[in-house]
N, C-alpha and C. Protein backbone atom coordinates (compact mmCIF):
# COMPACT_ATOMS: atom_id res chain seq x y z
N MET A 1 109.48 -64.35 23.83
CA MET A 1 109.71 -63.89 24.84
C MET A 1 107.98 -62.96 25.19
N GLY A 2 107.59 -62.75 23.81
CA GLY A 2 106.06 -62.23 23.98
C GLY A 2 105.14 -62.63 24.49
N ASP A 3 105.24 -64.33 23.90
CA ASP A 3 103.54 -64.76 24.73
C ASP A 3 103.88 -64.88 26.25
N ASP A 4 105.06 -65.48 26.58
CA ASP A 4 105.36 -65.89 27.60
C ASP A 4 105.42 -64.78 28.86
N LEU A 5 105.53 -63.83 28.28
CA LEU A 5 105.47 -62.43 29.07
C LEU A 5 104.46 -62.15 29.03
N ALA A 6 103.64 -62.50 28.43
CA ALA A 6 101.89 -61.54 28.31
C ALA A 6 101.45 -62.81 29.10
N ARG A 7 101.34 -64.09 29.14
CA ARG A 7 100.84 -64.55 30.30
C ARG A 7 101.46 -64.90 31.78
N LEU A 8 102.98 -64.26 31.79
CA LEU A 8 103.54 -63.91 33.20
C LEU A 8 102.78 -62.09 33.85
N LEU A 9 102.42 -61.74 32.55
CA LEU A 9 101.91 -60.38 32.92
C LEU A 9 100.49 -60.76 33.35
N GLN A 10 99.61 -61.44 33.06
CA GLN A 10 97.87 -62.37 33.22
C GLN A 10 98.19 -63.01 34.74
N ASP A 11 99.44 -63.52 35.15
CA ASP A 11 99.44 -64.65 36.67
C ASP A 11 100.19 -63.12 37.38
N VAL A 12 100.69 -62.19 37.09
CA VAL A 12 100.81 -60.93 37.97
C VAL A 12 99.47 -60.94 38.50
N HIS A 13 98.81 -59.95 37.71
CA HIS A 13 97.89 -59.95 37.58
C HIS A 13 96.89 -60.38 38.53
N ALA A 14 96.30 -61.88 38.09
CA ALA A 14 95.85 -62.92 38.84
C ALA A 14 96.48 -63.00 40.40
N ASP A 15 97.97 -62.71 40.89
CA ASP A 15 98.46 -62.72 42.26
C ASP A 15 98.51 -64.45 42.15
N GLU A 16 99.11 -64.83 41.15
CA GLU A 16 100.06 -66.03 41.72
C GLU A 16 101.29 -65.81 41.81
N PRO A 17 101.47 -67.18 42.37
CA PRO A 17 102.66 -67.21 43.91
C PRO A 17 103.46 -67.14 42.60
N HIS A 18 105.17 -65.99 42.76
CA HIS A 18 106.38 -66.40 42.25
C HIS A 18 106.27 -65.90 40.80
N ALA A 19 104.72 -65.01 40.56
CA ALA A 19 104.75 -64.69 39.14
C ALA A 19 105.55 -63.52 38.73
N PHE A 20 105.17 -62.83 40.08
CA PHE A 20 106.56 -61.75 39.30
C PHE A 20 107.99 -61.83 39.01
N GLU A 21 108.49 -62.67 40.21
CA GLU A 21 109.75 -63.23 40.05
C GLU A 21 110.34 -63.43 38.73
N SER A 22 108.92 -64.72 38.24
CA SER A 22 109.57 -65.35 36.95
C SER A 22 109.44 -64.10 36.06
N LEU A 23 108.03 -63.13 35.80
CA LEU A 23 108.24 -62.46 34.92
C LEU A 23 110.05 -61.63 34.69
N VAL A 24 109.96 -61.40 35.99
CA VAL A 24 111.55 -60.62 36.22
C VAL A 24 112.40 -61.31 35.62
N THR A 25 112.27 -62.16 35.67
CA THR A 25 113.67 -63.49 35.08
C THR A 25 113.61 -63.53 33.93
N LEU A 26 112.06 -63.41 33.15
CA LEU A 26 112.21 -63.59 31.75
C LEU A 26 113.23 -62.70 30.93
N ALA A 27 112.20 -61.25 31.80
CA ALA A 27 112.73 -59.74 31.36
C ALA A 27 114.41 -59.01 31.81
N TYR A 28 115.13 -60.37 32.43
CA TYR A 28 115.58 -59.70 32.97
C TYR A 28 116.80 -59.18 31.94
N GLY A 29 117.36 -60.12 30.75
CA GLY A 29 118.30 -59.71 29.92
C GLY A 29 118.26 -58.44 29.27
N GLU A 30 116.91 -58.03 28.80
CA GLU A 30 116.47 -56.68 28.25
C GLU A 30 116.18 -55.76 29.15
N LEU A 31 116.34 -55.98 30.64
CA LEU A 31 115.88 -55.05 31.34
C LEU A 31 117.92 -54.93 31.42
N ARG A 32 118.51 -55.44 31.46
CA ARG A 32 120.18 -55.72 31.82
C ARG A 32 120.81 -54.59 30.54
N ARG A 33 120.19 -55.13 29.46
CA ARG A 33 120.41 -54.57 28.39
C ARG A 33 119.77 -52.98 27.94
N MET A 34 118.87 -52.49 29.07
CA MET A 34 118.33 -50.91 29.02
C MET A 34 119.30 -50.46 29.67
N ALA A 35 119.82 -50.83 31.07
CA ALA A 35 120.55 -50.66 31.85
C ALA A 35 122.35 -50.40 31.34
N HIS A 36 122.69 -51.14 30.67
CA HIS A 36 123.74 -51.27 29.89
C HIS A 36 123.85 -49.68 29.23
N SER A 37 122.65 -50.30 28.45
CA SER A 37 122.58 -48.83 27.20
C SER A 37 122.10 -47.44 28.18
N LEU A 38 121.62 -47.18 29.06
CA LEU A 38 121.83 -45.92 29.34
C LEU A 38 123.30 -46.08 30.66
N MET A 39 124.26 -46.49 31.07
CA MET A 39 125.09 -46.85 31.62
C MET A 39 126.13 -46.09 31.23
N ARG A 40 126.30 -46.52 29.50
CA ARG A 40 127.24 -46.48 28.59
C ARG A 40 127.67 -45.29 28.67
N GLY A 41 128.62 -44.40 28.91
CA GLY A 41 129.07 -43.31 28.90
C GLY A 41 128.32 -42.04 29.03
N ARG A 42 126.82 -42.38 29.94
CA ARG A 42 125.90 -41.36 29.58
C ARG A 42 125.74 -40.24 30.74
N VAL A 43 126.34 -41.58 32.24
CA VAL A 43 126.23 -40.62 33.58
C VAL A 43 127.41 -40.72 33.70
N VAL A 44 128.15 -39.71 33.69
CA VAL A 44 129.19 -39.60 33.92
C VAL A 44 129.90 -39.42 35.39
N GLY A 45 130.78 -40.12 36.36
CA GLY A 45 130.90 -40.23 37.12
C GLY A 45 129.46 -41.08 38.22
N SER A 46 129.14 -41.83 37.81
CA SER A 46 128.37 -42.35 38.20
C SER A 46 128.91 -43.94 39.28
N THR A 47 128.70 -44.37 40.14
CA THR A 47 129.37 -45.15 40.68
C THR A 47 128.01 -46.62 40.74
N LEU A 48 127.55 -46.34 40.16
CA LEU A 48 126.56 -47.39 39.93
C LEU A 48 126.86 -47.66 38.56
N GLN A 49 126.49 -49.59 38.89
CA GLN A 49 126.54 -50.34 37.53
C GLN A 49 125.81 -51.07 36.76
N PRO A 50 125.68 -51.36 35.59
CA PRO A 50 124.36 -52.13 34.82
C PRO A 50 123.10 -52.60 36.33
N THR A 51 124.04 -54.13 36.47
CA THR A 51 123.36 -55.07 37.26
C THR A 51 122.79 -54.08 38.63
N ALA A 52 123.36 -53.33 39.17
CA ALA A 52 122.94 -52.54 40.69
C ALA A 52 121.50 -51.65 40.00
N LEU A 53 121.88 -51.53 38.74
CA LEU A 53 120.73 -50.68 37.84
C LEU A 53 119.69 -51.17 38.39
N VAL A 54 119.94 -52.35 37.63
CA VAL A 54 118.66 -53.29 37.03
C VAL A 54 117.59 -53.87 38.44
N HIS A 55 118.77 -53.85 39.42
CA HIS A 55 118.87 -54.64 40.63
C HIS A 55 117.70 -53.58 41.47
N GLU A 56 117.80 -52.45 41.42
CA GLU A 56 117.36 -50.99 42.43
C GLU A 56 116.15 -50.87 41.41
N ALA A 57 116.02 -51.03 40.12
CA ALA A 57 114.69 -50.76 39.27
C ALA A 57 113.99 -52.06 40.27
N TYR A 58 114.37 -53.33 40.19
CA TYR A 58 113.14 -54.55 40.24
C TYR A 58 112.45 -54.19 42.07
N LEU A 59 113.70 -53.45 42.60
CA LEU A 59 112.70 -53.47 43.88
C LEU A 59 112.03 -52.07 43.74
N ARG A 60 112.39 -51.20 42.99
CA ARG A 60 111.15 -50.28 42.55
C ARG A 60 109.53 -50.99 42.16
N LEU A 61 110.09 -51.54 41.08
CA LEU A 61 108.69 -51.91 40.33
C LEU A 61 107.94 -52.69 41.46
N LEU A 62 108.67 -53.62 42.84
CA LEU A 62 108.38 -54.51 43.36
C LEU A 62 107.54 -54.08 44.27
N GLN A 63 107.72 -52.12 44.45
CA GLN A 63 107.22 -51.66 46.01
C GLN A 63 106.03 -50.71 44.95
N GLY A 64 106.17 -50.96 43.70
CA GLY A 64 105.05 -50.17 43.45
C GLY A 64 104.13 -51.11 42.53
N GLU A 65 103.30 -50.22 41.44
CA GLU A 65 101.77 -50.58 41.50
C GLU A 65 103.24 -51.52 40.58
N THR A 66 102.48 -53.12 40.38
CA THR A 66 102.72 -54.51 39.30
C THR A 66 101.58 -54.58 38.33
N ARG A 67 100.31 -54.05 37.89
CA ARG A 67 99.60 -54.05 37.23
C ARG A 67 99.85 -53.50 35.85
N TRP A 68 100.62 -54.25 35.37
CA TRP A 68 101.14 -54.13 33.74
C TRP A 68 100.11 -54.91 32.68
N ASP A 69 99.34 -53.60 32.10
CA ASP A 69 98.73 -54.07 30.71
C ASP A 69 99.23 -55.16 29.38
N SER A 70 100.70 -54.54 28.70
CA SER A 70 101.24 -55.03 28.15
C SER A 70 102.53 -55.36 28.30
N LYS A 71 103.35 -55.56 27.47
CA LYS A 71 104.94 -56.19 27.43
C LYS A 71 105.23 -53.88 27.07
N ALA A 72 104.59 -53.20 26.89
CA ALA A 72 105.07 -52.03 26.38
C ALA A 72 105.07 -51.13 27.81
N HIS A 73 103.70 -51.51 28.93
CA HIS A 73 103.56 -50.68 29.77
C HIS A 73 104.40 -51.38 31.12
N PHE A 74 105.01 -52.43 30.68
CA PHE A 74 105.77 -52.95 31.80
C PHE A 74 107.16 -51.97 31.77
N PHE A 75 107.61 -52.58 30.11
CA PHE A 75 109.33 -52.30 29.73
C PHE A 75 108.77 -50.31 30.38
N GLY A 76 107.95 -49.79 29.93
CA GLY A 76 107.58 -48.47 29.97
C GLY A 76 108.49 -47.92 32.02
N ALA A 77 107.50 -49.11 33.15
CA ALA A 77 107.52 -49.20 33.77
C ALA A 77 108.97 -49.30 34.56
N ALA A 78 109.72 -49.91 33.99
CA ALA A 78 111.28 -50.34 34.30
C ALA A 78 111.84 -49.06 33.86
N ALA A 79 111.68 -48.71 32.88
CA ALA A 79 112.28 -47.05 32.41
C ALA A 79 112.35 -46.49 33.41
N ARG A 80 111.07 -46.57 33.63
CA ARG A 80 110.94 -45.11 34.96
C ARG A 80 111.55 -45.56 36.17
N ALA A 81 111.01 -46.81 36.52
CA ALA A 81 112.40 -47.00 37.04
C ALA A 81 113.66 -46.91 37.88
N MET A 82 114.03 -46.97 36.59
CA MET A 82 115.78 -47.04 36.30
C MET A 82 116.14 -45.33 36.09
N ARG A 83 115.11 -44.87 35.78
CA ARG A 83 115.25 -43.38 35.74
C ARG A 83 114.83 -42.90 37.53
N GLN A 84 113.93 -43.35 38.14
CA GLN A 84 114.16 -43.24 39.57
C GLN A 84 114.90 -42.93 40.26
N VAL A 85 116.11 -44.44 40.39
CA VAL A 85 117.47 -44.80 40.61
C VAL A 85 118.00 -43.71 40.01
N LEU A 86 117.92 -43.62 39.44
CA LEU A 86 119.32 -42.25 38.55
C LEU A 86 119.06 -40.71 39.13
N VAL A 87 118.28 -40.57 39.56
CA VAL A 87 117.81 -39.33 39.63
C VAL A 87 118.01 -38.86 41.47
N ALA A 88 117.99 -40.17 41.82
CA ALA A 88 117.79 -40.49 43.49
C ALA A 88 119.06 -40.48 43.92
N GLU A 89 120.37 -40.77 42.88
CA GLU A 89 121.71 -40.67 42.99
C GLU A 89 122.23 -39.75 42.89
N ALA A 90 121.52 -39.20 41.69
CA ALA A 90 121.55 -37.93 41.52
C ALA A 90 121.64 -36.48 42.90
N ARG A 91 120.43 -36.83 43.30
CA ARG A 91 119.96 -36.28 44.37
C ARG A 91 121.43 -36.47 45.45
N ARG A 92 121.43 -37.41 46.08
CA ARG A 92 122.50 -37.57 47.47
C ARG A 92 123.69 -37.47 46.45
N LYS A 93 124.18 -37.48 45.52
CA LYS A 93 125.53 -36.97 45.01
C LYS A 93 125.64 -35.23 45.31
N ALA A 94 124.26 -34.57 44.93
CA ALA A 94 124.36 -33.08 45.02
C ALA A 94 124.35 -32.58 46.82
N ALA A 95 123.51 -33.61 47.31
CA ALA A 95 123.16 -33.08 48.07
C ALA A 95 124.58 -33.12 49.37
N ARG A 96 125.42 -34.46 49.17
CA ARG A 96 127.04 -34.54 49.90
C ARG A 96 128.06 -33.15 49.32
N LYS A 97 127.54 -33.16 48.06
CA LYS A 97 128.55 -31.89 47.48
C LYS A 97 128.31 -30.38 47.86
N ARG A 98 127.36 -30.40 47.57
CA ARG A 98 126.26 -29.24 47.74
C ARG A 98 126.32 -28.18 46.33
N ALA A 99 127.76 -27.97 46.21
CA ALA A 99 128.04 -27.30 45.28
C ALA A 99 128.41 -27.61 43.78
N GLY A 100 127.38 -28.16 42.79
CA GLY A 100 127.32 -28.53 41.20
C GLY A 100 127.84 -29.61 41.32
N GLY A 101 127.51 -31.10 42.35
CA GLY A 101 128.34 -32.42 42.23
C GLY A 101 127.48 -33.53 41.27
N ALA A 102 126.12 -32.13 40.74
CA ALA A 102 125.35 -33.52 40.05
C ALA A 102 126.37 -34.13 39.31
N ILE A 103 125.35 -35.27 38.75
CA ILE A 103 125.63 -36.35 38.19
C ILE A 103 125.41 -35.57 36.10
N ARG A 104 125.90 -36.22 35.55
CA ARG A 104 126.34 -34.66 33.89
C ARG A 104 126.05 -36.07 33.04
N VAL A 105 124.66 -35.28 32.57
CA VAL A 105 124.50 -36.13 30.94
C VAL A 105 124.55 -35.16 30.08
N THR A 106 124.77 -35.66 28.69
CA THR A 106 125.03 -34.66 27.46
C THR A 106 123.90 -34.38 26.70
N PHE A 107 123.39 -32.95 26.37
CA PHE A 107 122.43 -33.60 25.02
C PHE A 107 122.79 -34.21 23.69
N SER A 108 124.08 -33.83 23.78
CA SER A 108 124.25 -35.01 22.50
C SER A 108 124.06 -36.70 22.71
N ASP A 109 123.79 -36.63 23.99
CA ASP A 109 123.13 -38.02 24.10
C ASP A 109 122.18 -38.48 23.89
N LEU A 110 121.25 -37.01 23.57
CA LEU A 110 120.15 -36.79 23.08
C LEU A 110 120.24 -36.73 22.15
N GLN A 111 120.98 -36.56 21.27
CA GLN A 111 121.13 -36.36 19.73
C GLN A 111 120.73 -34.93 19.88
N VAL A 112 121.02 -33.55 20.39
CA VAL A 112 120.58 -32.20 20.31
C VAL A 112 121.35 -31.67 19.88
N GLN A 113 121.48 -30.44 19.31
CA GLN A 113 122.94 -29.76 19.25
C GLN A 113 122.48 -28.39 20.36
N SER A 114 123.39 -28.12 20.79
CA SER A 114 123.50 -27.60 22.43
C SER A 114 124.69 -26.57 22.27
N PRO A 115 124.55 -25.52 22.82
CA PRO A 115 125.65 -24.68 23.01
C PRO A 115 126.39 -24.80 24.46
N GLU A 116 125.83 -25.50 25.05
CA GLU A 116 126.04 -25.87 26.32
C GLU A 116 126.06 -27.49 26.47
N PRO A 117 127.35 -27.95 26.87
CA PRO A 117 127.73 -29.86 26.22
C PRO A 117 127.14 -30.52 27.52
N GLU A 118 126.50 -29.95 28.25
CA GLU A 118 126.46 -30.65 29.67
C GLU A 118 125.33 -30.24 30.50
N LEU A 119 124.34 -30.91 31.32
CA LEU A 119 123.38 -30.42 32.26
C LEU A 119 123.10 -32.00 33.09
N ASP A 120 122.90 -31.66 33.95
CA ASP A 120 122.86 -32.37 35.04
C ASP A 120 121.38 -33.00 35.46
N MET A 121 121.85 -34.43 36.20
CA MET A 121 120.48 -35.47 36.05
C MET A 121 119.24 -35.29 36.51
N LEU A 122 119.38 -33.76 37.17
CA LEU A 122 117.97 -33.25 38.39
C LEU A 122 117.51 -32.60 37.12
N ALA A 123 117.79 -31.68 36.45
CA ALA A 123 117.37 -31.29 35.19
C ALA A 123 116.66 -31.50 34.36
N LEU A 124 117.37 -32.40 34.00
CA LEU A 124 116.92 -33.84 32.92
C LEU A 124 115.49 -34.24 33.42
N ASP A 125 115.76 -34.68 34.51
CA ASP A 125 114.50 -35.37 35.41
C ASP A 125 112.77 -34.13 35.51
N GLU A 126 113.74 -32.81 35.54
CA GLU A 126 112.51 -32.11 36.09
C GLU A 126 111.96 -31.42 34.74
N ALA A 127 112.96 -31.81 33.79
CA ALA A 127 112.52 -31.57 31.94
C ALA A 127 111.57 -32.18 31.59
N LEU A 128 111.79 -33.87 32.05
CA LEU A 128 111.71 -34.74 31.64
C LEU A 128 109.44 -35.25 32.22
N ALA A 129 109.44 -34.49 34.07
CA ALA A 129 108.37 -34.60 34.28
C ALA A 129 107.47 -33.21 33.47
N ALA A 130 107.79 -32.00 33.07
CA ALA A 130 107.17 -30.99 32.84
C ALA A 130 107.05 -31.18 31.73
N LEU A 131 107.71 -31.77 30.87
CA LEU A 131 107.18 -33.17 29.06
C LEU A 131 105.70 -33.21 29.14
N GLY A 132 105.93 -34.26 30.48
CA GLY A 132 104.65 -35.10 30.73
C GLY A 132 103.66 -34.47 30.90
N ARG A 133 103.72 -33.36 31.81
CA ARG A 133 102.45 -32.75 31.62
C ARG A 133 102.03 -32.43 30.26
N VAL A 134 102.84 -31.48 29.57
CA VAL A 134 102.23 -31.61 28.17
C VAL A 134 101.49 -32.43 27.95
N ASP A 135 102.63 -33.47 27.75
CA ASP A 135 101.81 -34.60 26.57
C ASP A 135 102.56 -35.62 26.95
N GLU A 136 101.82 -36.89 28.16
CA GLU A 136 102.31 -37.84 28.41
C GLU A 136 102.91 -39.12 27.24
N ARG A 137 102.26 -39.04 26.49
CA ARG A 137 103.13 -39.78 25.18
C ARG A 137 104.63 -39.52 24.85
N PHE A 138 104.73 -37.86 24.53
CA PHE A 138 105.70 -37.83 24.38
C PHE A 138 106.81 -37.84 25.31
N ALA A 139 106.70 -37.78 26.59
CA ALA A 139 107.89 -37.93 27.61
C ALA A 139 107.92 -39.73 27.49
N ARG A 140 106.68 -40.50 27.43
CA ARG A 140 106.81 -41.98 27.44
C ARG A 140 108.16 -42.24 26.25
N VAL A 141 107.91 -41.99 24.98
CA VAL A 141 108.90 -41.74 23.93
C VAL A 141 110.92 -41.62 24.78
N MET A 142 110.49 -40.28 24.95
CA MET A 142 111.78 -40.32 25.54
C MET A 142 112.12 -41.23 26.82
N GLU A 143 110.98 -41.14 27.36
CA GLU A 143 111.71 -41.87 28.41
C GLU A 143 112.34 -43.66 27.67
N LEU A 144 111.89 -44.09 27.17
CA LEU A 144 111.64 -45.44 26.73
C LEU A 144 113.12 -45.54 25.61
N ARG A 145 113.30 -44.43 24.55
CA ARG A 145 114.52 -44.09 24.29
C ARG A 145 115.51 -43.88 25.12
N TYR A 146 115.70 -42.94 25.98
CA TYR A 146 116.68 -42.38 26.70
C TYR A 146 117.00 -43.59 27.94
N PHE A 147 116.07 -43.63 28.52
CA PHE A 147 116.67 -44.51 29.96
C PHE A 147 116.46 -45.86 29.94
N GLY A 148 115.19 -46.28 28.92
CA GLY A 148 114.90 -47.22 28.03
C GLY A 148 116.02 -48.22 27.32
N GLY A 149 117.03 -47.03 26.43
CA GLY A 149 117.50 -47.70 25.50
C GLY A 149 117.32 -48.64 24.20
N CYS A 150 115.52 -47.92 24.03
CA CYS A 150 114.88 -48.74 23.13
C CYS A 150 115.22 -47.95 21.63
N SER A 151 115.38 -48.70 20.45
CA SER A 151 115.46 -48.09 19.27
C SER A 151 114.18 -47.61 19.16
N LEU A 152 113.96 -46.45 17.91
CA LEU A 152 112.67 -45.89 17.69
C LEU A 152 111.44 -47.24 17.38
N GLN A 153 112.30 -48.52 16.66
CA GLN A 153 111.50 -49.49 15.98
C GLN A 153 110.71 -49.96 17.17
N GLU A 154 111.72 -50.33 18.58
CA GLU A 154 111.65 -50.89 19.37
C GLU A 154 110.06 -50.30 20.39
N ILE A 155 110.43 -49.05 20.32
CA ILE A 155 109.13 -48.31 20.78
C ILE A 155 107.91 -48.65 19.99
N ALA A 156 107.97 -48.34 18.88
CA ALA A 156 106.20 -48.30 18.01
C ALA A 156 105.87 -49.72 18.54
N GLU A 157 106.99 -51.03 18.29
CA GLU A 157 106.63 -52.11 18.34
C GLU A 157 105.67 -51.80 19.57
N LEU A 158 106.34 -51.39 20.85
CA LEU A 158 106.14 -51.95 22.51
C LEU A 158 105.24 -50.94 22.74
N THR A 159 104.59 -49.58 21.99
CA THR A 159 103.29 -48.88 21.91
C THR A 159 102.08 -49.11 20.96
N GLY A 160 102.59 -49.78 20.32
CA GLY A 160 101.59 -50.24 19.26
C GLY A 160 101.07 -49.26 18.14
N ARG A 161 102.42 -48.06 17.98
CA ARG A 161 102.51 -46.94 17.00
C ARG A 161 102.82 -46.97 16.00
N SER A 162 102.62 -46.33 14.76
CA SER A 162 103.40 -46.40 13.63
C SER A 162 104.94 -45.68 13.92
N LEU A 163 106.05 -46.59 13.59
CA LEU A 163 106.73 -45.92 13.11
C LEU A 163 107.26 -44.28 13.03
N ALA A 164 106.32 -44.11 11.91
CA ALA A 164 106.49 -42.53 11.82
C ALA A 164 105.96 -41.91 13.13
N THR A 165 104.96 -42.27 13.58
CA THR A 165 104.58 -41.66 14.66
C THR A 165 105.44 -41.35 16.06
N VAL A 166 106.37 -42.30 16.05
CA VAL A 166 107.10 -42.95 17.29
C VAL A 166 108.05 -41.38 16.17
N LYS A 167 109.15 -41.27 15.14
CA LYS A 167 109.45 -40.31 14.82
C LYS A 167 109.34 -39.28 14.93
N ARG A 168 108.47 -39.05 14.60
CA ARG A 168 107.70 -37.43 14.94
C ARG A 168 107.32 -37.19 16.80
N ASP A 169 106.77 -37.95 17.43
CA ASP A 169 106.88 -37.92 19.07
C ASP A 169 108.46 -37.64 19.30
N TRP A 170 109.45 -38.26 18.62
CA TRP A 170 111.29 -38.20 19.19
C TRP A 170 111.60 -36.73 19.07
N VAL A 171 110.86 -36.61 17.73
CA VAL A 171 111.54 -35.25 17.44
C VAL A 171 111.21 -34.15 17.92
N TYR A 172 109.88 -34.14 18.37
CA TYR A 172 108.87 -32.69 19.24
C TYR A 172 109.64 -32.98 20.09
N ALA A 173 109.89 -34.32 21.16
CA ALA A 173 110.40 -34.24 22.53
C ALA A 173 111.54 -34.10 22.48
N ARG A 174 112.63 -34.48 21.50
CA ARG A 174 113.95 -33.45 21.91
C ARG A 174 114.33 -32.33 21.43
N ALA A 175 113.25 -31.49 20.92
CA ALA A 175 113.06 -29.90 20.25
C ALA A 175 112.53 -29.44 21.63
N TRP A 176 111.75 -30.07 22.21
CA TRP A 176 111.05 -29.45 23.49
C TRP A 176 111.92 -29.80 24.70
N LEU A 177 112.36 -30.55 24.70
CA LEU A 177 113.67 -30.71 26.12
C LEU A 177 114.72 -29.36 26.07
N TYR A 178 114.98 -29.54 24.69
CA TYR A 178 116.29 -28.33 24.01
C TYR A 178 115.44 -26.91 24.83
N ASP A 179 114.51 -26.94 24.59
CA ASP A 179 113.67 -25.55 24.53
C ASP A 179 113.72 -25.57 25.59
N HIS A 180 113.36 -26.63 26.85
CA HIS A 180 112.84 -26.42 27.88
C HIS A 180 114.20 -25.87 28.31
N MET A 181 114.99 -26.96 28.48
CA MET A 181 116.46 -26.95 29.28
C MET A 181 117.25 -25.64 28.86
N THR A 182 117.27 -24.86 27.53
CA THR A 182 118.04 -23.58 27.57
C THR A 182 117.63 -22.77 27.54
N ALA A 183 116.01 -22.50 27.89
CA ALA A 183 115.42 -21.28 28.42
C ALA A 183 115.80 -20.84 29.65
């Protein structure tokens, strides 16, 4: 998939007809795996299914910037789009319920010990945005890991960094989110 993906990314840059659709078709299986991993037991009470999440993310990718420099850039954008879809859904639910009806995710999903077992998607989104202002690299690792469902090895490959660096970034990002969200 790597060489074909690189070629399709170049075709998208060159505004070739149907290049974006071909890119998504090639990456669809991986996008679906990301969505399934994210949805599996992590977003309690969500009515969104993995296929619908991929389709919503596709629409966001299509409407946004379609200039991706690499596979990592593309899958990072896809993970960000999935995050935006889930946050938008959480906001809609919160607006309907008005009294704490936000989608819940747990710190155990982030593999962090916490005295408070649950937090809402909106709080997680705000914390990730704050982490991104501190260091975009840490936020990207968290986004790829949590929203993209990527392993640390996959993140290292996608970003071109060593596994040891990605592990350090992951540990820092988890600790930073824990401190930020429990403060």
